[in-house]
């Protein structure tokens, strides 16, 4: 049942304006509470989305840095090998 219908029934049946005022105040309070909750949800979702985007940017930067380090290491190994310097085996992870 809609809020308007509830208010109309209370006004018609009760006939007392104070009952209608109380019901109207309760309906207004419920609407404000719903609006505040929706606003809080939207702000929370927005913060999560911004944090996710920032984390994705940082991850992309770290991945690029890792690729640069791998390239540098490969070039360094080639340069050492050409210079005749022995290259140690990579340590294995357990």
N, C-alpha and C. Protein backbone atom coordinates (compact mmCIF):
# COMPACT_ATOMS: atom_id res chain seq x y z
N UNK A 1 0.85 -1.16 0.00
CA UNK A 1 0.00 0.00 0.00
C UNK A 1 0.90 1.23 0.00
N UNK A 2 0.53 2.21 -0.79
CA UNK A 2 1.36 3.40 -0.90
C UNK A 2 1.20 4.29 0.32
N UNK A 3 2.17 5.16 0.50
CA UNK A 3 2.13 6.08 1.64
C UNK A 3 0.91 7.00 1.58
N UNK A 4 0.55 7.43 0.39
CA UNK A 4 -0.61 8.31 0.23
C UNK A 4 -1.88 7.58 0.63
N UNK A 5 -2.00 6.31 0.25
CA UNK A 5 -3.19 5.53 0.61
C UNK A 5 -3.28 5.35 2.12
N UNK A 6 -2.16 5.05 2.76
CA UNK A 6 -2.16 4.89 4.22
C UNK A 6 -2.59 6.18 4.88
N UNK A 7 -2.05 7.29 4.43
CA UNK A 7 -2.39 8.59 5.01
C UNK A 7 -3.87 8.92 4.78
N UNK A 8 -4.40 8.61 3.61
CA UNK A 8 -5.81 8.87 3.32
C UNK A 8 -6.73 8.02 4.19
N UNK A 9 -6.37 6.75 4.38
CA UNK A 9 -7.19 5.86 5.22
C UNK A 9 -7.18 6.34 6.66
N UNK A 10 -6.00 6.69 7.16
CA UNK A 10 -5.92 7.16 8.55
C UNK A 10 -6.72 8.43 8.73
N UNK A 11 -6.64 9.33 7.77
CA UNK A 11 -7.39 10.59 7.87
C UNK A 11 -8.89 10.34 7.81
N UNK A 12 -9.32 9.46 6.89
CA UNK A 12 -10.75 9.20 6.73
C UNK A 12 -11.33 8.42 7.90
N UNK A 13 -10.63 7.39 8.36
CA UNK A 13 -11.14 6.54 9.43
C UNK A 13 -11.00 7.22 10.78
N UNK A 14 -9.81 7.70 11.05
CA UNK A 14 -9.55 8.28 12.36
C UNK A 14 -10.23 9.61 12.55
N UNK A 15 -10.20 10.41 11.54
CA UNK A 15 -10.82 11.71 11.63
C UNK A 15 -10.03 12.69 12.47
N UNK A 16 -9.07 12.22 13.24
CA UNK A 16 -8.29 13.11 14.09
C UNK A 16 -7.05 13.56 13.33
N UNK A 17 -6.84 14.84 13.34
CA UNK A 17 -5.70 15.37 12.59
C UNK A 17 -4.38 14.99 13.24
N UNK A 18 -4.35 14.76 14.54
CA UNK A 18 -3.09 14.41 15.20
C UNK A 18 -2.60 13.03 14.77
N UNK A 19 -3.55 12.10 14.49
CA UNK A 19 -3.15 10.78 14.00
C UNK A 19 -2.51 10.91 12.62
N UNK A 20 -3.15 11.70 11.76
CA UNK A 20 -2.61 11.91 10.42
C UNK A 20 -1.24 12.59 10.50
N UNK A 21 -1.08 13.50 11.43
CA UNK A 21 0.21 14.19 11.60
C UNK A 21 1.29 13.21 12.02
N UNK A 22 0.95 12.32 12.94
CA UNK A 22 1.93 11.32 13.41
C UNK A 22 2.30 10.38 12.26
N UNK A 23 1.29 9.91 11.53
CA UNK A 23 1.57 9.00 10.41
C UNK A 23 2.41 9.72 9.35
N UNK A 24 2.06 10.97 9.05
CA UNK A 24 2.83 11.74 8.06
C UNK A 24 4.27 11.92 8.52
N UNK A 25 4.47 12.21 9.80
CA UNK A 25 5.83 12.36 10.34
C UNK A 25 6.60 11.05 10.24
N UNK A 26 5.92 9.95 10.54
CA UNK A 26 6.59 8.64 10.45
C UNK A 26 6.97 8.33 9.01
N UNK A 27 6.05 8.60 8.06
CA UNK A 27 6.35 8.35 6.65
C UNK A 27 7.50 9.24 6.17
N UNK A 28 7.51 10.50 6.58
CA UNK A 28 8.61 11.40 6.21
C UNK A 28 9.93 10.91 6.78
N UNK A 29 9.89 10.46 8.04
CA UNK A 29 11.11 9.94 8.67
C UNK A 29 11.62 8.72 7.90
N UNK A 30 10.70 7.84 7.54
CA UNK A 30 11.08 6.64 6.79
C UNK A 30 11.69 7.01 5.44
N UNK A 31 11.11 7.99 4.76
CA UNK A 31 11.65 8.44 3.47
C UNK A 31 13.04 9.04 3.63
N UNK A 32 13.23 9.86 4.66
CA UNK A 32 14.55 10.48 4.89
C UNK A 32 15.59 9.41 5.23
N UNK A 33 15.19 8.43 6.04
CA UNK A 33 16.11 7.35 6.41
C UNK A 33 16.51 6.55 5.17
N UNK A 34 15.55 6.24 4.33
CA UNK A 34 15.84 5.51 3.09
C UNK A 34 16.78 6.31 2.20
N UNK A 35 16.54 7.61 2.08
CA UNK A 35 17.39 8.46 1.25
C UNK A 35 18.81 8.53 1.81
N UNK A 36 18.93 8.64 3.14
CA UNK A 36 20.26 8.68 3.77
C UNK A 36 21.01 7.37 3.54
N UNK A 37 20.31 6.25 3.67
CA UNK A 37 20.95 4.95 3.45
C UNK A 37 21.40 4.81 2.00
N UNK A 38 20.57 5.25 1.07
CA UNK A 38 20.94 5.17 -0.35
C UNK A 38 22.15 6.05 -0.63
N UNK A 39 22.17 7.25 -0.03
CA UNK A 39 23.31 8.16 -0.21
C UNK A 39 24.58 7.55 0.37
N UNK A 40 24.46 6.95 1.55
CA UNK A 40 25.63 6.32 2.17
C UNK A 40 26.13 5.15 1.31
N UNK A 41 25.20 4.37 0.77
CA UNK A 41 25.58 3.26 -0.11
C UNK A 41 26.32 3.77 -1.35
N UNK A 42 25.80 4.85 -1.94
CA UNK A 42 26.44 5.42 -3.14
C UNK A 42 27.84 5.94 -2.82
N UNK A 43 27.98 6.62 -1.69
CA UNK A 43 29.30 7.13 -1.32
C UNK A 43 30.27 5.99 -1.05
N UNK A 44 29.80 4.94 -0.35
CA UNK A 44 30.65 3.79 -0.05
C UNK A 44 31.08 3.09 -1.34
N UNK A 45 30.13 2.90 -2.24
CA UNK A 45 30.45 2.28 -3.53
C UNK A 45 31.45 3.12 -4.30
N UNK A 46 31.27 4.43 -4.28
CA UNK A 46 32.21 5.32 -4.96
C UNK A 46 33.61 5.21 -4.39
N UNK A 47 33.70 5.17 -3.05
CA UNK A 47 35.02 5.03 -2.42
C UNK A 47 35.67 3.71 -2.79
N UNK A 48 34.89 2.63 -2.80
CA UNK A 48 35.44 1.32 -3.18
C UNK A 48 35.93 1.33 -4.63
N UNK A 49 35.15 1.96 -5.52
CA UNK A 49 35.55 2.01 -6.92
C UNK A 49 36.84 2.82 -7.08
N UNK A 50 36.96 3.95 -6.37
CA UNK A 50 38.19 4.75 -6.45
C UNK A 50 39.38 3.98 -5.91
N UNK A 51 39.18 3.26 -4.81
CA UNK A 51 40.28 2.46 -4.25
C UNK A 51 40.69 1.35 -5.21
N UNK A 52 39.71 0.71 -5.84
CA UNK A 52 40.00 -0.35 -6.81
C UNK A 52 40.79 0.21 -7.99
N UNK A 53 40.38 1.36 -8.50
CA UNK A 53 41.09 1.98 -9.63
C UNK A 53 42.52 2.34 -9.23
N UNK A 54 42.70 2.88 -8.03
CA UNK A 54 44.06 3.24 -7.58
C UNK A 54 44.91 1.98 -7.43
N UNK A 55 44.33 0.92 -6.90
CA UNK A 55 45.07 -0.33 -6.74
C UNK A 55 45.43 -0.92 -8.10
N UNK A 56 44.53 -0.84 -9.05
CA UNK A 56 44.83 -1.34 -10.39
C UNK A 56 45.95 -0.53 -11.04
N UNK A 57 45.96 0.79 -10.83
CA UNK A 57 47.05 1.62 -11.36
C UNK A 57 48.38 1.24 -10.73
N UNK A 58 48.38 1.04 -9.40
CA UNK A 58 49.61 0.64 -8.71
C UNK A 58 50.08 -0.72 -9.20
N UNK A 59 49.16 -1.65 -9.37
CA UNK A 59 49.51 -2.98 -9.87
C UNK A 59 50.13 -2.89 -11.26
N UNK A 60 49.55 -2.08 -12.11
CA UNK A 60 50.08 -1.90 -13.45
C UNK A 60 51.50 -1.33 -13.40
N UNK A 61 51.73 -0.36 -12.51
CA UNK A 61 53.06 0.22 -12.36
C UNK A 61 54.06 -0.82 -11.88
N UNK A 62 53.66 -1.62 -10.90
CA UNK A 62 54.55 -2.66 -10.38
C UNK A 62 54.85 -3.69 -11.46
N UNK A 63 53.85 -4.07 -12.24
CA UNK A 63 54.07 -5.03 -13.32
C UNK A 63 55.05 -4.46 -14.36
N UNK A 64 54.90 -3.17 -14.68
CA UNK A 64 55.82 -2.54 -15.63
C UNK A 64 57.24 -2.49 -15.06
N UNK A 65 57.35 -2.15 -13.77
CA UNK A 65 58.66 -2.13 -13.13
C UNK A 65 59.30 -3.51 -13.15
N UNK A 66 58.51 -4.54 -12.89
CA UNK A 66 59.02 -5.91 -12.91
C UNK A 66 59.52 -6.28 -14.30
N UNK A 67 58.77 -5.92 -15.31
CA UNK A 67 59.19 -6.21 -16.68
C UNK A 67 60.49 -5.47 -17.01
N UNK A 68 60.61 -4.22 -16.56
CA UNK A 68 61.86 -3.46 -16.77
C UNK A 68 63.03 -4.15 -16.08
N UNK A 69 62.81 -4.62 -14.86
CA UNK A 69 63.87 -5.31 -14.12
C UNK A 69 64.28 -6.61 -14.83
N UNK A 70 63.31 -7.34 -15.35
CA UNK A 70 63.62 -8.58 -16.07
C UNK A 70 64.45 -8.28 -17.33
N UNK A 71 64.05 -7.23 -18.04
CA UNK A 71 64.80 -6.84 -19.24
C UNK A 71 66.23 -6.45 -18.88
N UNK A 72 66.38 -5.63 -17.83
CA UNK A 72 67.71 -5.20 -17.40
C UNK A 72 68.56 -6.40 -16.98
N UNK A 73 67.95 -7.32 -16.25
CA UNK A 73 68.69 -8.51 -15.79
C UNK A 73 69.14 -9.35 -16.99
N UNK A 74 68.25 -9.52 -17.96
CA UNK A 74 68.61 -10.29 -19.15
C UNK A 74 69.77 -9.63 -19.90
N UNK A 75 69.70 -8.31 -20.05
CA UNK A 75 70.78 -7.60 -20.73
C UNK A 75 72.08 -7.69 -19.95
N UNK A 76 71.99 -7.62 -18.64
CA UNK A 76 73.17 -7.71 -17.79
C UNK A 76 73.81 -9.10 -17.90
N UNK A 77 72.99 -10.14 -17.92
CA UNK A 77 73.50 -11.51 -18.05
C UNK A 77 74.20 -11.67 -19.40
N UNK A 78 73.61 -11.13 -20.46
CA UNK A 78 74.23 -11.22 -21.78
C UNK A 78 75.57 -10.48 -21.79
N UNK A 79 75.61 -9.29 -21.19
CA UNK A 79 76.86 -8.52 -21.14
C UNK A 79 77.93 -9.25 -20.34
N UNK A 80 77.54 -9.85 -19.22
CA UNK A 80 78.51 -10.60 -18.41
C UNK A 80 79.03 -11.82 -19.18
N UNK A 81 78.13 -12.50 -19.88
CA UNK A 81 78.54 -13.69 -20.65
C UNK A 81 79.50 -13.30 -21.76
N UNK A 82 79.23 -12.19 -22.43
CA UNK A 82 80.12 -11.73 -23.50
C UNK A 82 81.49 -11.35 -22.96
N UNK A 83 81.52 -10.85 -21.72
CA UNK A 83 82.79 -10.46 -21.10
C UNK A 83 83.53 -11.67 -20.55
N UNK A 84 82.92 -12.84 -20.61
CA UNK A 84 83.58 -14.05 -20.13
C UNK A 84 83.48 -14.24 -18.64
N UNK A 85 82.59 -13.52 -18.00
CA UNK A 85 82.41 -13.66 -16.55
C UNK A 85 81.40 -14.78 -16.31
N UNK A 86 81.75 -15.73 -15.44
CA UNK A 86 80.80 -16.83 -15.19
C UNK A 86 79.52 -16.32 -14.52
N UNK A 87 78.42 -16.86 -14.96
CA UNK A 87 77.12 -16.44 -14.42
C UNK A 87 76.63 -17.54 -13.49
N UNK A 88 76.37 -17.19 -12.24
CA UNK A 88 75.91 -18.22 -11.30
C UNK A 88 74.50 -18.71 -11.65
N UNK A 89 74.23 -19.94 -11.26
CA UNK A 89 72.89 -20.47 -11.46
C UNK A 89 71.90 -19.71 -10.60
N UNK A 90 70.68 -19.68 -11.08
CA UNK A 90 69.63 -19.02 -10.28
C UNK A 90 69.32 -19.87 -9.06
N UNK A 91 69.12 -19.21 -7.94
CA UNK A 91 68.68 -19.99 -6.78
C UNK A 91 67.26 -20.49 -7.01
N UNK A 92 67.00 -21.68 -6.56
CA UNK A 92 65.67 -22.25 -6.74
C UNK A 92 64.84 -21.97 -5.49
N UNK A 93 63.59 -21.77 -5.73
CA UNK A 93 62.68 -21.55 -4.60
C UNK A 93 62.17 -22.88 -4.12
N UNK A 94 61.99 -22.95 -2.85
CA UNK A 94 61.47 -24.20 -2.27
C UNK A 94 60.00 -24.10 -2.06
